[in-house]
C-alpha atoms as a PDB file:
ATOM      1  CA  UNK A   1     -13.774   2.149  44.381  1.00  0.00           C
ATOM      2  CA  UNK A   2     -14.770  -0.875  45.321  1.00  0.00           C
ATOM      3  CA  UNK A   3     -18.386  -2.587  43.413  1.00  0.00           C
ATOM      4  CA  UNK A   4     -21.292  -1.684  45.270  1.00  0.00           C
ATOM      5  CA  UNK A   5     -22.640  -5.667  44.221  1.00  0.00           C
ATOM      6  CA  UNK A   6     -21.350  -8.566  45.624  1.00  0.00           C
ATOM      7  CA  UNK A   7     -21.390 -10.965  43.312  1.00  0.00           C
ATOM      8  CA  UNK A   8     -20.882 -14.757  44.286  1.00  0.00           C
ATOM      9  CA  UNK A   9     -19.566 -15.571  40.534  1.00  0.00           C
ATOM     10  CA  UNK A  10     -17.562 -13.571  38.389  1.00  0.00           C
ATOM     11  CA  UNK A  11     -16.319 -14.810  34.920  1.00  0.00           C
ATOM     12  CA  UNK A  12     -13.154 -13.526  33.001  1.00  0.00           C
ATOM     13  CA  UNK A  13     -12.326 -13.967  29.970  1.00  0.00           C
ATOM     14  CA  UNK A  14     -12.921 -12.786  26.138  1.00  0.00           C
ATOM     15  CA  UNK A  15     -16.392 -13.078  24.463  1.00  0.00           C
ATOM     16  CA  UNK A  16     -17.335 -13.504  20.971  1.00  0.00           C
ATOM     17  CA  UNK A  17     -20.344 -14.007  18.005  1.00  0.00           C
ATOM     18  CA  UNK A  18     -20.868 -17.156  16.524  1.00  0.00           C
ATOM     19  CA  UNK A  19     -21.570 -16.980  12.647  1.00  0.00           C
ATOM     20  CA  UNK A  20     -22.558 -20.632  12.701  1.00  0.00           C
ATOM     21  CA  UNK A  21     -22.229 -22.063   8.870  1.00  0.00           C
ATOM     22  CA  UNK A  22     -23.947 -25.825   8.957  1.00  0.00           C
ATOM     23  CA  UNK A  23     -21.960 -27.541   5.649  1.00  0.00           C
ATOM     24  CA  UNK A  24     -23.221 -29.770   3.726  1.00  0.00           C
ATOM     25  CA  UNK A  25     -21.186 -30.365   0.835  1.00  0.00           C
ATOM     26  CA  UNK A  26     -17.515 -31.374   2.552  1.00  0.00           C
ATOM     27  CA  UNK A  27     -15.624 -34.716   3.458  1.00  0.00           C
ATOM     28  CA  UNK A  28     -13.722 -36.200   6.469  1.00  0.00           C
ATOM     29  CA  UNK A  29     -10.288 -37.677   6.107  1.00  0.00           C
ATOM     30  CA  UNK A  30      -8.092 -39.099   8.722  1.00  0.00           C
ATOM     31  CA  UNK A  31      -4.437 -38.296   8.971  1.00  0.00           C
ATOM     32  CA  UNK A  32      -4.102 -40.560  11.942  1.00  0.00           C
ATOM     33  CA  UNK A  33      -5.609 -41.687  15.076  1.00  0.00           C
ATOM     34  CA  UNK A  34      -5.069 -38.913  16.449  1.00  0.00           C
ATOM     35  CA  UNK A  35      -5.579 -35.951  13.194  1.00  0.00           C
ATOM     36  CA  UNK A  36      -8.787 -35.383  10.997  1.00  0.00           C
ATOM     37  CA  UNK A  37      -9.044 -32.579   7.862  1.00  0.00           C
ATOM     38  CA  UNK A  38     -12.233 -31.046   7.130  1.00  0.00           C
ATOM     39  CA  UNK A  39     -11.889 -31.521   3.409  1.00  0.00           C
ATOM     40  CA  UNK A  40     -13.543 -29.012   0.563  1.00  0.00           C
ATOM     41  CA  UNK A  41     -12.945 -28.499  -2.903  1.00  0.00           C
ATOM     42  CA  UNK A  42     -10.654 -25.160  -3.619  1.00  0.00           C
ATOM     43  CA  UNK A  43     -11.485 -21.956  -5.744  1.00  0.00           C
ATOM     44  CA  UNK A  44     -15.105 -22.765  -5.698  1.00  0.00           C
ATOM     45  CA  UNK A  45     -18.456 -22.110  -4.867  1.00  0.00           C
ATOM     46  CA  UNK A  46     -19.524 -24.289  -1.825  1.00  0.00           C
ATOM     47  CA  UNK A  47     -23.519 -24.224  -1.206  1.00  0.00           C
ATOM     48  CA  UNK A  48     -24.276 -24.634   2.971  1.00  0.00           C
ATOM     49  CA  UNK A  49     -26.862 -25.184   4.803  1.00  0.00           C
ATOM     50  CA  UNK A  50     -27.697 -22.524   7.229  1.00  0.00           C
ATOM     51  CA  UNK A  51     -26.064 -19.773   8.943  1.00  0.00           C
ATOM     52  CA  UNK A  52     -26.926 -18.734  12.361  1.00  0.00           C
ATOM     53  CA  UNK A  53     -25.254 -15.829  14.316  1.00  0.00           C
ATOM     54  CA  UNK A  54     -24.960 -16.502  18.345  1.00  0.00           C
ATOM     55  CA  UNK A  55     -23.679 -13.060  20.034  1.00  0.00           C
ATOM     56  CA  UNK A  56     -22.041 -13.176  23.345  1.00  0.00           C
ATOM     57  CA  UNK A  57     -20.572 -16.870  23.716  1.00  0.00           C
ATOM     58  CA  UNK A  58     -16.848 -18.090  24.593  1.00  0.00           C
ATOM     59  CA  UNK A  59     -15.947 -20.288  27.822  1.00  0.00           C
ATOM     60  CA  UNK A  60     -16.002 -17.329  30.373  1.00  0.00           C
ATOM     61  CA  UNK A  61     -19.324 -15.682  28.825  1.00  0.00           C
ATOM     62  CA  UNK A  62     -21.038 -19.058  28.863  1.00  0.00           C
ATOM     63  CA  UNK A  63     -19.628 -19.801  32.152  1.00  0.00           C
ATOM     64  CA  UNK A  64     -21.110 -15.780  33.543  1.00  0.00           C
ATOM     65  CA  UNK A  65     -24.763 -17.027  31.717  1.00  0.00           C
ATOM     66  CA  UNK A  66     -24.609 -21.023  33.053  1.00  0.00           C
ATOM     67  CA  UNK A  67     -23.855 -19.277  36.837  1.00  0.00           C
ATOM     68  CA  UNK A  68     -26.892 -17.136  36.852  1.00  0.00           C
ATOM     69  CA  UNK A  69     -29.354 -19.789  35.136  1.00  0.00           C
ATOM     70  CA  UNK A  70     -28.100 -22.237  37.965  1.00  0.00           C
ATOM     71  CA  UNK A  71     -29.216 -19.274  41.221  1.00  0.00           C
ATOM     72  CA  UNK A  72     -26.086 -17.526  41.941  1.00  0.00           C
ATOM     73  CA  UNK A  73     -24.994 -14.030  41.123  1.00  0.00           C
ATOM     74  CA  UNK A  74     -23.071 -13.409  37.904  1.00  0.00           C
ATOM     75  CA  UNK A  75     -21.303 -10.935  36.405  1.00  0.00           C
ATOM     76  CA  UNK A  76     -18.729 -11.055  33.345  1.00  0.00           C
ATOM     77  CA  UNK A  77     -15.199  -8.754  32.998  1.00  0.00           C
ATOM     78  CA  UNK A  78     -14.474  -8.920  29.485  1.00  0.00           C
ATOM     79  CA  UNK A  79     -13.943  -6.881  26.482  1.00  0.00           C
ATOM     80  CA  UNK A  80     -15.953  -5.822  23.726  1.00  0.00           C
ATOM     81  CA  UNK A  81     -15.683  -2.741  20.528  1.00  0.00           C
ATOM     82  CA  UNK A  82     -18.491   0.031  19.913  1.00  0.00           C
ATOM     83  CA  UNK A  83     -19.935  -1.872  17.206  1.00  0.00           C
ATOM     84  CA  UNK A  84     -23.325  -3.141  16.946  1.00  0.00           C
ATOM     85  CA  UNK A  85     -21.836  -7.322  17.420  1.00  0.00           C
ATOM     86  CA  UNK A  86     -21.144  -5.222  20.655  1.00  0.00           C
ATOM     87  CA  UNK A  87     -24.277  -4.112  21.709  1.00  0.00           C
ATOM     88  CA  UNK A  88     -25.808  -7.433  20.892  1.00  0.00           C
ATOM     89  CA  UNK A  89     -23.973  -8.847  23.646  1.00  0.00           C
ATOM     90  CA  UNK A  90     -24.633  -6.285  26.245  1.00  0.00           C
ATOM     91  CA  UNK A  91     -28.365  -6.866  25.731  1.00  0.00           C
ATOM     92  CA  UNK A  92     -27.967 -10.984  25.659  1.00  0.00           C
ATOM     93  CA  UNK A  93     -25.743 -10.298  28.926  1.00  0.00           C
ATOM     94  CA  UNK A  94     -28.538  -7.676  30.356  1.00  0.00           C
ATOM     95  CA  UNK A  95     -31.373 -10.033  29.763  1.00  0.00           C
ATOM     96  CA  UNK A  96     -30.128 -13.386  31.207  1.00  0.00           C
ATOM     97  CA  UNK A  97     -28.791 -11.819  34.778  1.00  0.00           C
ATOM     98  CA  UNK A  98     -25.671 -11.510  34.547  1.00  0.00           C
ATOM     99  CA  UNK A  99     -23.860  -7.890  35.927  1.00  0.00           C
ATOM    100  CA  UNK A 100     -22.513  -5.814  32.701  1.00  0.00           C
ATOM    101  CA  UNK A 101     -20.188  -3.035  34.781  1.00  0.00           C
ATOM    102  CA  UNK A 102     -17.072  -4.854  33.930  1.00  0.00           C
ATOM    103  CA  UNK A 103     -17.526  -4.965  30.508  1.00  0.00           C
ATOM    104  CA  UNK A 104     -15.570  -2.690  28.766  1.00  0.00           C
ATOM    105  CA  UNK A 105     -16.306  -1.234  25.764  1.00  0.00           C
ATOM    106  CA  UNK A 106     -13.575   0.240  23.619  1.00  0.00           C
ATOM    107  CA  UNK A 107     -13.867   2.923  21.144  1.00  0.00           C
ATOM    108  CA  UNK A 108     -12.908   2.197  17.048  1.00  0.00           C
ATOM    109  CA  UNK A 109     -12.404  -1.508  18.155  1.00  0.00           C
ATOM    110  CA  UNK A 110     -14.324  -4.340  17.028  1.00  0.00           C
ATOM    111  CA  UNK A 111     -16.152  -6.665  18.924  1.00  0.00           C
ATOM    112  CA  UNK A 112     -14.515 -10.662  18.504  1.00  0.00           C
ATOM    113  CA  UNK A 113     -16.521 -12.694  15.563  1.00  0.00           C
ATOM    114  CA  UNK A 114     -15.610 -15.915  15.101  1.00  0.00           C
ATOM    115  CA  UNK A 115     -17.134 -18.478  12.408  1.00  0.00           C
ATOM    116  CA  UNK A 116     -18.385 -22.721  13.647  1.00  0.00           C
ATOM    117  CA  UNK A 117     -18.197 -24.446   9.997  1.00  0.00           C
ATOM    118  CA  UNK A 118     -20.652 -27.170  11.606  1.00  0.00           C
ATOM    119  CA  UNK A 119     -20.653 -30.855   9.593  1.00  0.00           C
ATOM    120  CA  UNK A 120     -21.584 -34.150  11.219  1.00  0.00           C
ATOM    121  CA  UNK A 121     -22.791 -32.892  14.182  1.00  0.00           C
ATOM    122  CA  UNK A 122     -18.975 -31.619  15.257  1.00  0.00           C
ATOM    123  CA  UNK A 123     -18.143 -28.159  14.984  1.00  0.00           C
ATOM    124  CA  UNK A 124     -14.506 -26.656  13.381  1.00  0.00           C
ATOM    125  CA  UNK A 125     -14.072 -23.104  14.401  1.00  0.00           C
ATOM    126  CA  UNK A 126     -12.136 -19.952  12.550  1.00  0.00           C
ATOM    127  CA  UNK A 127     -11.084 -17.875  15.566  1.00  0.00           C
ATOM    128  CA  UNK A 128      -9.428 -14.359  16.239  1.00  0.00           C
ATOM    129  CA  UNK A 129      -9.061 -12.381  18.857  1.00  0.00           C
ATOM    130  CA  UNK A 130      -9.161  -8.614  19.052  1.00  0.00           C
ATOM    131  CA  UNK A 131      -6.484  -6.810  20.765  1.00  0.00           C
ATOM    132  CA  UNK A 132      -7.538  -5.386  23.628  1.00  0.00           C
ATOM    133  CA  UNK A 133      -5.965  -2.994  26.492  1.00  0.00           C
ATOM    134  CA  UNK A 134      -6.601  -5.706  29.066  1.00  0.00           C
ATOM    135  CA  UNK A 135      -7.258  -4.646  32.758  1.00  0.00           C
ATOM    136  CA  UNK A 136      -8.778  -5.956  35.501  1.00  0.00           C
ATOM    137  CA  UNK A 137     -11.418  -3.902  36.961  1.00  0.00           C
ATOM    138  CA  UNK A 138     -12.336  -3.223  40.629  1.00  0.00           C
ATOM    139  CA  UNK A 139     -14.749  -6.417  40.992  1.00  0.00           C
ATOM    140  CA  UNK A 140     -14.634  -6.839  45.308  1.00  0.00           C
ATOM    141  CA  UNK A 141     -14.368  -9.947  46.524  1.00  0.00           C
ATOM    142  CA  UNK A 142     -16.767 -12.993  45.208  1.00  0.00           C
ATOM    143  CA  UNK A 143     -17.320 -16.741  46.547  1.00  0.00           C
ATOM    144  CA  UNK A 144     -15.680 -17.285  43.120  1.00  0.00           C
ATOM    145  CA  UNK A 145     -13.637 -16.402  39.627  1.00  0.00           C
ATOM    146  CA  UNK A 146     -14.357 -18.279  36.740  1.00  0.00           C
ATOM    147  CA  UNK A 147     -11.315 -17.492  34.310  1.00  0.00           C
ATOM    148  CA  UNK A 148     -10.565 -18.665  30.314  1.00  0.00           C
ATOM    149  CA  UNK A 149      -9.942 -17.859  27.206  1.00  0.00           C
ATOM    150  CA  UNK A 150      -8.240 -14.617  26.375  1.00  0.00           C
ATOM    151  CA  UNK A 151      -6.189 -13.343  23.600  1.00  0.00           C
ATOM    152  CA  UNK A 152      -2.353 -13.661  22.863  1.00  0.00           C
ATOM    153  CA  UNK A 153      -0.802 -10.789  24.179  1.00  0.00           C
ATOM    154  CA  UNK A 154      -1.984 -10.980  27.775  1.00  0.00           C
ATOM    155  CA  UNK A 155       0.886 -12.082  29.712  1.00  0.00           C
ATOM    156  CA  UNK A 156       0.890  -8.940  31.422  1.00  0.00           C
ATOM    157  CA  UNK A 157      -3.032  -9.401  31.985  1.00  0.00           C
ATOM    158  CA  UNK A 158      -2.580 -12.736  33.923  1.00  0.00           C
ATOM    159  CA  UNK A 159      -0.011 -10.447  36.225  1.00  0.00           C
ATOM    160  CA  UNK A 160      -2.878  -8.365  37.478  1.00  0.00           C
ATOM    161  CA  UNK A 161      -5.081 -11.883  38.082  1.00  0.00           C
ATOM    162  CA  UNK A 162      -2.098 -13.377  40.272  1.00  0.00           C
ATOM    163  CA  UNK A 163      -2.124  -9.926  42.702  1.00  0.00           C
ATOM    164  CA  UNK A 164      -5.661  -9.896  42.521  1.00  0.00           C
ATOM    165  CA  UNK A 165      -5.794 -13.386  44.025  1.00  0.00           C
ATOM    166  CA  UNK A 166      -2.682 -12.481  46.339  1.00  0.00           C
ATOM    167  CA  UNK A 167      -4.975  -9.996  47.937  1.00  0.00           C
ATOM    168  CA  UNK A 168      -7.256 -11.582  48.085  1.00  0.00           C
ATOM    169  CA  UNK A 169      -6.842 -15.161  49.566  1.00  0.00           C
ATOM    170  CA  UNK A 170     -10.700 -16.118  49.819  1.00  0.00           C
ATOM    171  CA  UNK A 171     -11.638 -15.805  46.531  1.00  0.00           C
ATOM    172  CA  UNK A 172     -11.629 -19.338  44.503  1.00  0.00           C
ATOM    173  CA  UNK A 173     -10.750 -19.543  41.245  1.00  0.00           C
ATOM    174  CA  UNK A 174     -11.667 -22.431  38.577  1.00  0.00           C
ATOM    175  CA  UNK A 175      -9.266 -21.838  35.570  1.00  0.00           C
ATOM    176  CA  UNK A 176     -10.282 -23.193  32.129  1.00  0.00           C
ATOM    177  CA  UNK A 177      -7.315 -22.580  30.132  1.00  0.00           C
ATOM    178  CA  UNK A 178      -7.977 -21.844  26.214  1.00  0.00           C
ATOM    179  CA  UNK A 179      -5.804 -21.833  22.654  1.00  0.00           C
ATOM    180  CA  UNK A 180      -3.586 -18.873  23.255  1.00  0.00           C
ATOM    181  CA  UNK A 181      -3.566 -19.965  27.672  1.00  0.00           C
ATOM    182  CA  UNK A 182      -2.074 -23.362  26.601  1.00  0.00           C
ATOM    183  CA  UNK A 183       0.749 -21.692  24.096  1.00  0.00           C
ATOM    184  CA  UNK A 184       1.983 -18.942  26.705  1.00  0.00           C
ATOM    185  CA  UNK A 185       3.663 -22.609  28.625  1.00  0.00           C
ATOM    186  CA  UNK A 186       2.450 -23.640  31.997  1.00  0.00           C
ATOM    187  CA  UNK A 187       6.202 -22.062  33.431  1.00  0.00           C
ATOM    188  CA  UNK A 188       4.646 -18.672  32.729  1.00  0.00           C
ATOM    189  CA  UNK A 189       1.058 -19.389  33.869  1.00  0.00           C
ATOM    190  CA  UNK A 190       2.913 -20.853  37.626  1.00  0.00           C
ATOM    191  CA  UNK A 191       1.198 -18.140  39.246  1.00  0.00           C
ATOM    192  CA  UNK A 192      -1.982 -18.884  37.824  1.00  0.00           C
ATOM    193  CA  UNK A 193      -2.089 -22.442  38.403  1.00  0.00           C
ATOM    194  CA  UNK A 194      -0.465 -22.363  42.001  1.00  0.00           C
ATOM    195  CA  UNK A 195      -3.323 -20.236  43.119  1.00  0.00           C
ATOM    196  CA  UNK A 196      -5.638 -22.431  41.034  1.00  0.00           C
ATOM    197  CA  UNK A 197      -8.843 -23.789  43.419  1.00  0.00           C
ATOM    198  CA  UNK A 198     -10.418 -26.036  40.463  1.00  0.00           C
ATOM    199  CA  UNK A 199      -8.862 -27.162  36.647  1.00  0.00           C
ATOM    200  CA  UNK A 200     -10.525 -28.152  33.876  1.00  0.00           C
ATOM    201  CA  UNK A 201      -9.221 -29.156  30.596  1.00  0.00           C
ATOM    202  CA  UNK A 202      -9.714 -32.225  28.079  1.00  0.00           C
ATOM    203  CA  UNK A 203      -7.509 -35.263  27.424  1.00  0.00           C
ATOM    204  CA  UNK A 204      -5.692 -34.000  24.827  1.00  0.00           C
ATOM    205  CA  UNK A 205      -5.121 -30.331  25.790  1.00  0.00           C
ATOM    206  CA  UNK A 206      -3.524 -32.116  29.134  1.00  0.00           C
ATOM    207  CA  UNK A 207      -1.144 -33.132  27.282  1.00  0.00           C
ATOM    208  CA  UNK A 208      -0.714 -30.823  25.136  1.00  0.00           C
ATOM    209  CA  UNK A 209      -0.204 -28.256  28.591  1.00  0.00           C
ATOM    210  CA  UNK A 210       2.500 -30.996  29.848  1.00  0.00           C
ATOM    211  CA  UNK A 211       3.968 -31.744  26.906  1.00  0.00           C
ATOM    212  CA  UNK A 212       3.578 -35.388  26.793  1.00  0.00           C
ATOM    213  CA  UNK A 213       1.950 -38.070  25.366  1.00  0.00           C
ATOM    214  CA  UNK A 214       0.978 -39.998  28.468  1.00  0.00           C
ATOM    215  CA  UNK A 215      -2.043 -41.920  28.116  1.00  0.00           C
ATOM    216  CA  UNK A 216      -2.656 -43.229  31.892  1.00  0.00           C
ATOM    217  CA  UNK A 217      -5.393 -40.950  32.841  1.00  0.00           C
ATOM    218  CA  UNK A 218      -4.621 -41.007  36.477  1.00  0.00           C
ATOM    219  CA  UNK A 219      -0.533 -39.748  35.426  1.00  0.00           C
ATOM    220  CA  UNK A 220      -2.649 -36.937  33.708  1.00  0.00           C
ATOM    221  CA  UNK A 221      -4.525 -35.756  36.693  1.00  0.00           C
ATOM    222  CA  UNK A 222      -1.297 -36.115  39.097  1.00  0.00           C
ATOM    223  CA  UNK A 223       0.656 -34.011  36.431  1.00  0.00           C
ATOM    224  CA  UNK A 224      -1.539 -31.283  36.331  1.00  0.00           C
ATOM    225  CA  UNK A 225      -2.169 -31.157  40.398  1.00  0.00           C
ATOM    226  CA  UNK A 226       1.508 -31.085  41.143  1.00  0.00           C
ATOM    227  CA  UNK A 227       1.049 -27.691  38.679  1.00  0.00           C
ATOM    228  CA  UNK A 228      -0.631 -26.246  41.763  1.00  0.00           C
ATOM    229  CA  UNK A 229      -4.885 -26.925  41.420  1.00  0.00           C
ATOM    230  CA  UNK A 230      -6.152 -28.267  44.347  1.00  0.00           C
ATOM    231  CA  UNK A 231      -9.368 -30.075  41.581  1.00  0.00           C
ATOM    232  CA  UNK A 232      -8.262 -31.459  38.578  1.00  0.00           C
ATOM    233  CA  UNK A 233     -11.086 -32.148  36.287  1.00  0.00           C
ATOM    234  CA  UNK A 234     -10.346 -33.994  33.190  1.00  0.00           C
ATOM    235  CA  UNK A 235     -12.672 -34.004  30.200  1.00  0.00           C
ATOM    236  CA  UNK A 236     -12.858 -37.369  27.263  1.00  0.00           C
ATOM    237  CA  UNK A 237     -15.945 -36.702  25.461  1.00  0.00           C
ATOM    238  CA  UNK A 238     -18.351 -39.530  25.302  1.00  0.00           C
ATOM    239  CA  UNK A 239     -15.798 -41.370  27.133  1.00  0.00           C
ATOM    240  CA  UNK A 240     -16.933 -39.112  30.407  1.00  0.00           C
ATOM    241  CA  UNK A 241     -14.626 -37.576  32.800  1.00  0.00           C
ATOM    242  CA  UNK A 242     -11.756 -37.899  35.237  1.00  0.00           C
ATOM    243  CA  UNK A 243     -11.073 -35.713  38.423  1.00  0.00           C
ATOM    244  CA  UNK A 244      -8.402 -35.981  41.416  1.00  0.00           C
ATOM    245  CA  UNK A 245      -9.290 -34.341  44.941  1.00  0.00           C
ATOM    246  CA  UNK A 246      -6.773 -34.724  47.551  1.00  0.00           C
ATOM    247  CA  UNK A 247      -5.975 -38.453  46.914  1.00  0.00           C
ATOM    248  CA  UNK A 248      -9.077 -39.306  45.530  1.00  0.00           C
ATOM    249  CA  UNK A 249     -10.190 -40.124  41.823  1.00  0.00           C
ATOM    250  CA  UNK A 250     -13.323 -40.189  40.164  1.00  0.00           C
ATOM    251  CA  UNK A 251     -15.156 -40.945  36.993  1.00  0.00           C
ATOM    252  CA  UNK A 252     -18.004 -40.203  35.764  1.00  0.00           C
ATOM    253  CA  UNK A 253     -19.578 -41.263  32.717  1.00  0.00           C
ATOM    254  CA  UNK A 254     -22.201 -39.286  30.535  1.00  0.00           C
ATOM    255  CA  UNK A 255     -25.584 -38.245  30.969  1.00  0.00           C
ATOM    256  CA  UNK A 256     -27.168 -40.927  28.911  1.00  0.00           C
ATOM    257  CA  UNK A 257     -29.490 -39.120  25.716  1.00  0.00           C
ATOM    258  CA  UNK A 258     -31.384 -41.332  23.062  1.00  0.00           C
ATOM    259  CA  UNK A 259     -31.185 -38.207  20.789  1.00  0.00           C
ATOM    260  CA  UNK A 260     -27.668 -37.962  19.122  1.00  0.00           C
ATOM    261  CA  UNK A 261     -25.980 -34.122  19.292  1.00  0.00           C
ATOM    262  CA  UNK A 262     -27.279 -31.419  17.351  1.00  0.00           C
ATOM    263  CA  UNK A 263     -23.932 -29.547  17.517  1.00  0.00           C
ATOM    264  CA  UNK A 264     -21.144 -30.574  19.722  1.00  0.00           C
ATOM    265  CA  UNK A 265     -20.537 -26.104  20.768  1.00  0.00           C
ATOM    266  CA  UNK A 266     -19.801 -25.347  24.269  1.00  0.00           C
ATOM    267  CA  UNK A 267     -20.271 -29.173  25.866  1.00  0.00           C
ATOM    268  CA  UNK A 268     -16.691 -28.358  27.736  1.00  0.00           C
ATOM    269  CA  UNK A 269     -17.786 -25.256  29.117  1.00  0.00           C
ATOM    270  CA  UNK A 270     -21.246 -26.163  29.896  1.00  0.00           C
ATOM    271  CA  UNK A 271     -19.677 -28.730  32.411  1.00  0.00           C
ATOM    272  CA  UNK A 272     -16.857 -26.682  33.357  1.00  0.00           C
ATOM    273  CA  UNK A 273     -18.962 -24.148  34.670  1.00  0.00           C
ATOM    274  CA  UNK A 274     -21.705 -25.990  35.911  1.00  0.00           C
ATOM    275  CA  UNK A 275     -18.848 -28.007  38.100  1.00  0.00           C
ATOM    276  CA  UNK A 276     -17.627 -25.082  39.649  1.00  0.00           C
ATOM    277  CA  UNK A 277     -21.172 -23.301  39.974  1.00  0.00           C
ATOM    278  CA  UNK A 278     -21.730 -26.616  42.137  1.00  0.00           C
ATOM    279  CA  UNK A 279     -19.155 -26.220  44.409  1.00  0.00           C
ATOM    280  CA  UNK A 280     -20.014 -21.899  44.553  1.00  0.00           C
ATOM    281  CA  UNK A 281     -23.480 -22.953  45.868  1.00  0.00           C
ATOM    282  CA  UNK A 282     -21.410 -24.992  48.342  1.00  0.00           C
ATOM    283  CA  UNK A 283     -21.919 -28.852  46.854  1.00  0.00           C
ATOM    284  CA  UNK A 284     -18.927 -31.511  47.133  1.00  0.00           C
ATOM    285  CA  UNK A 285     -17.285 -32.935  44.358  1.00  0.00           C
ATOM    286  CA  UNK A 286     -19.460 -35.770  43.597  1.00  0.00           C
ATOM    287  CA  UNK A 287     -22.762 -34.004  43.531  1.00  0.00           C
ATOM    288  CA  UNK A 288     -20.684 -31.432  41.203  1.00  0.00           C
ATOM    289  CA  UNK A 289     -19.904 -34.545  38.992  1.00  0.00           C
ATOM    290  CA  UNK A 290     -23.550 -35.127  38.815  1.00  0.00           C
ATOM    291  CA  UNK A 291     -24.695 -31.865  37.419  1.00  0.00           C
ATOM    292  CA  UNK A 292     -21.982 -31.265  34.831  1.00  0.00           C
ATOM    293  CA  UNK A 293     -22.846 -33.652  32.154  1.00  0.00           C
ATOM    294  CA  UNK A 294     -26.493 -32.893  32.362  1.00  0.00           C
ATOM    295  CA  UNK A 295     -25.107 -29.810  30.771  1.00  0.00           C
ATOM    296  CA  UNK A 296     -23.088 -30.822  28.488  1.00  0.00           C
ATOM    297  CA  UNK A 297     -25.831 -33.148  27.700  1.00  0.00           C
ATOM    298  CA  UNK A 298     -28.895 -30.286  26.638  1.00  0.00           C
ATOM    299  CA  UNK A 299     -26.380 -27.925  25.140  1.00  0.00           C
ATOM    300  CA  UNK A 300     -25.173 -30.381  22.327  1.00  0.00           C
ATOM    301  CA  UNK A 301     -28.903 -30.140  21.497  1.00  0.00           C
ATOM    302  CA  UNK A 302     -29.430 -27.259  19.904  1.00  0.00           C
ATOM    303  CA  UNK A 303     -27.519 -24.730  17.830  1.00  0.00           C
ATOM    304  CA  UNK A 304     -24.584 -22.879  20.185  1.00  0.00           C
ATOM    305  CA  UNK A 305     -23.140 -22.906  23.214  1.00  0.00           C
ATOM    306  CA  UNK A 306     -25.737 -20.823  25.114  1.00  0.00           C
ATOM    307  CA  UNK A 307     -29.139 -21.713  24.403  1.00  0.00           C
ATOM    308  CA  UNK A 308     -28.985 -25.323  25.713  1.00  0.00           C
ATOM    309  CA  UNK A 309     -28.113 -24.669  29.431  1.00  0.00           C
ATOM    310  CA  UNK A 310     -30.278 -25.535  31.658  1.00  0.00           C
ATOM    311  CA  UNK A 311     -32.529 -23.669  34.713  1.00  0.00           C
ATOM    312  CA  UNK A 312     -31.762 -25.331  38.526  1.00  0.00           C
ATOM    313  CA  UNK A 313     -35.236 -26.644  38.135  1.00  0.00           C
ATOM    314  CA  UNK A 314     -34.417 -28.590  34.976  1.00  0.00           C
ATOM    315  CA  UNK A 315     -31.839 -29.682  36.076  1.00  0.00           C
ATOM    316  CA  UNK A 316     -33.032 -31.281  39.289  1.00  0.00           C
ATOM    317  CA  UNK A 317     -35.774 -33.016  36.669  1.00  0.00           C
ATOM    318  CA  UNK A 318     -32.996 -34.439  34.703  1.00  0.00           C
ATOM    319  CA  UNK A 319     -30.817 -35.595  37.577  1.00  0.00           C
ATOM    320  CA  UNK A 320     -34.699 -37.218  38.977  1.00  0.00           C
ATOM    321  CA  UNK A 321     -34.797 -39.231  35.322  1.00  0.00           C
ATOM    322  CA  UNK A 322     -31.357 -40.001  35.647  1.00  0.00           C
ATOM    323  CA  UNK A 323     -30.372 -44.126  35.736  1.00  0.00           C
ATOM    324  CA  UNK A 324     -29.144 -45.592  38.279  1.00  0.00           C
ATOM    325  CA  UNK A 325     -26.018 -46.590  36.533  1.00  0.00           C
ATOM    326  CA  UNK A 326     -25.502 -42.575  36.624  1.00  0.00           C
ATOM    327  CA  UNK A 327     -23.142 -42.106  39.347  1.00  0.00           C
ATOM    328  CA  UNK A 328     -19.957 -40.946  39.686  1.00  0.00           C
ATOM    329  CA  UNK A 329     -16.958 -43.535  40.882  1.00  0.00           C
ATOM    330  CA  UNK A 330     -13.839 -44.003  41.962  1.00  0.00           C
ATOM    331  CA  UNK A 331     -10.988 -45.141  40.452  1.00  0.00           C
END
């Protein structure tokens, strides 16, 4: 039986409650150029500054909220437990105008709960995905679906999404792989990559997905593109973002902000979801590149991945104030 409401944008993936623990008695040790360790005294009592508990977040959850705030009819496909954290999550989505009829409540199960160790503006996340029985509900034919992080025993669920896309040729998919999806490897997710319209990852994730240490950004974009995605976006933190669309390559700097980041959780999600939302609004890649860094900049000024997500009115104000150098450039 089909859904009664037609959505523009449906996000699919796990959601979680994040407990942000702001550390003050820790240090960062450099192992090599690409690896660092956060260190605290072992077998001791470690003081912290504060803790903030934020429900209803995660890659896909953030995307659903971002889409709703930016004017799309948005819904979320996910799983929660029948506990207080699950109730809190549903309340947040309803308040944000995100459709919740595709969120399944599992009896006698817990809702995902992560611990985010915040230190010097960066975050280290302790994650645990509860084991749910994943099933794709009848979601109709939205303009876009946005698929992201799910648990480690979900390969059959990916096959369900492949079959759905085969039957709904007009539905476009944005794919932002999470940790376990990258662990599956590109061969097992071959069908997902081939049906992806818009793909997101950061530079290190691209190297991990491809199994190579290639540093040339165009070669990374080309290699991901050959897996199937039509538009490939690779972010590189403060060094901006890079896009391949057809034969065109683009670079986009970050949105300038004089304030240092308060907390970086959700910056990538904000960029990716806003880019996808722009395309769902019918805008082109160049305009999507203008939109996306605004939300990343805004999100890192607040604790958590949701609070800083902008409305369309706020986005337009930021774009009006942007310097002339804030433009995508062909490379």
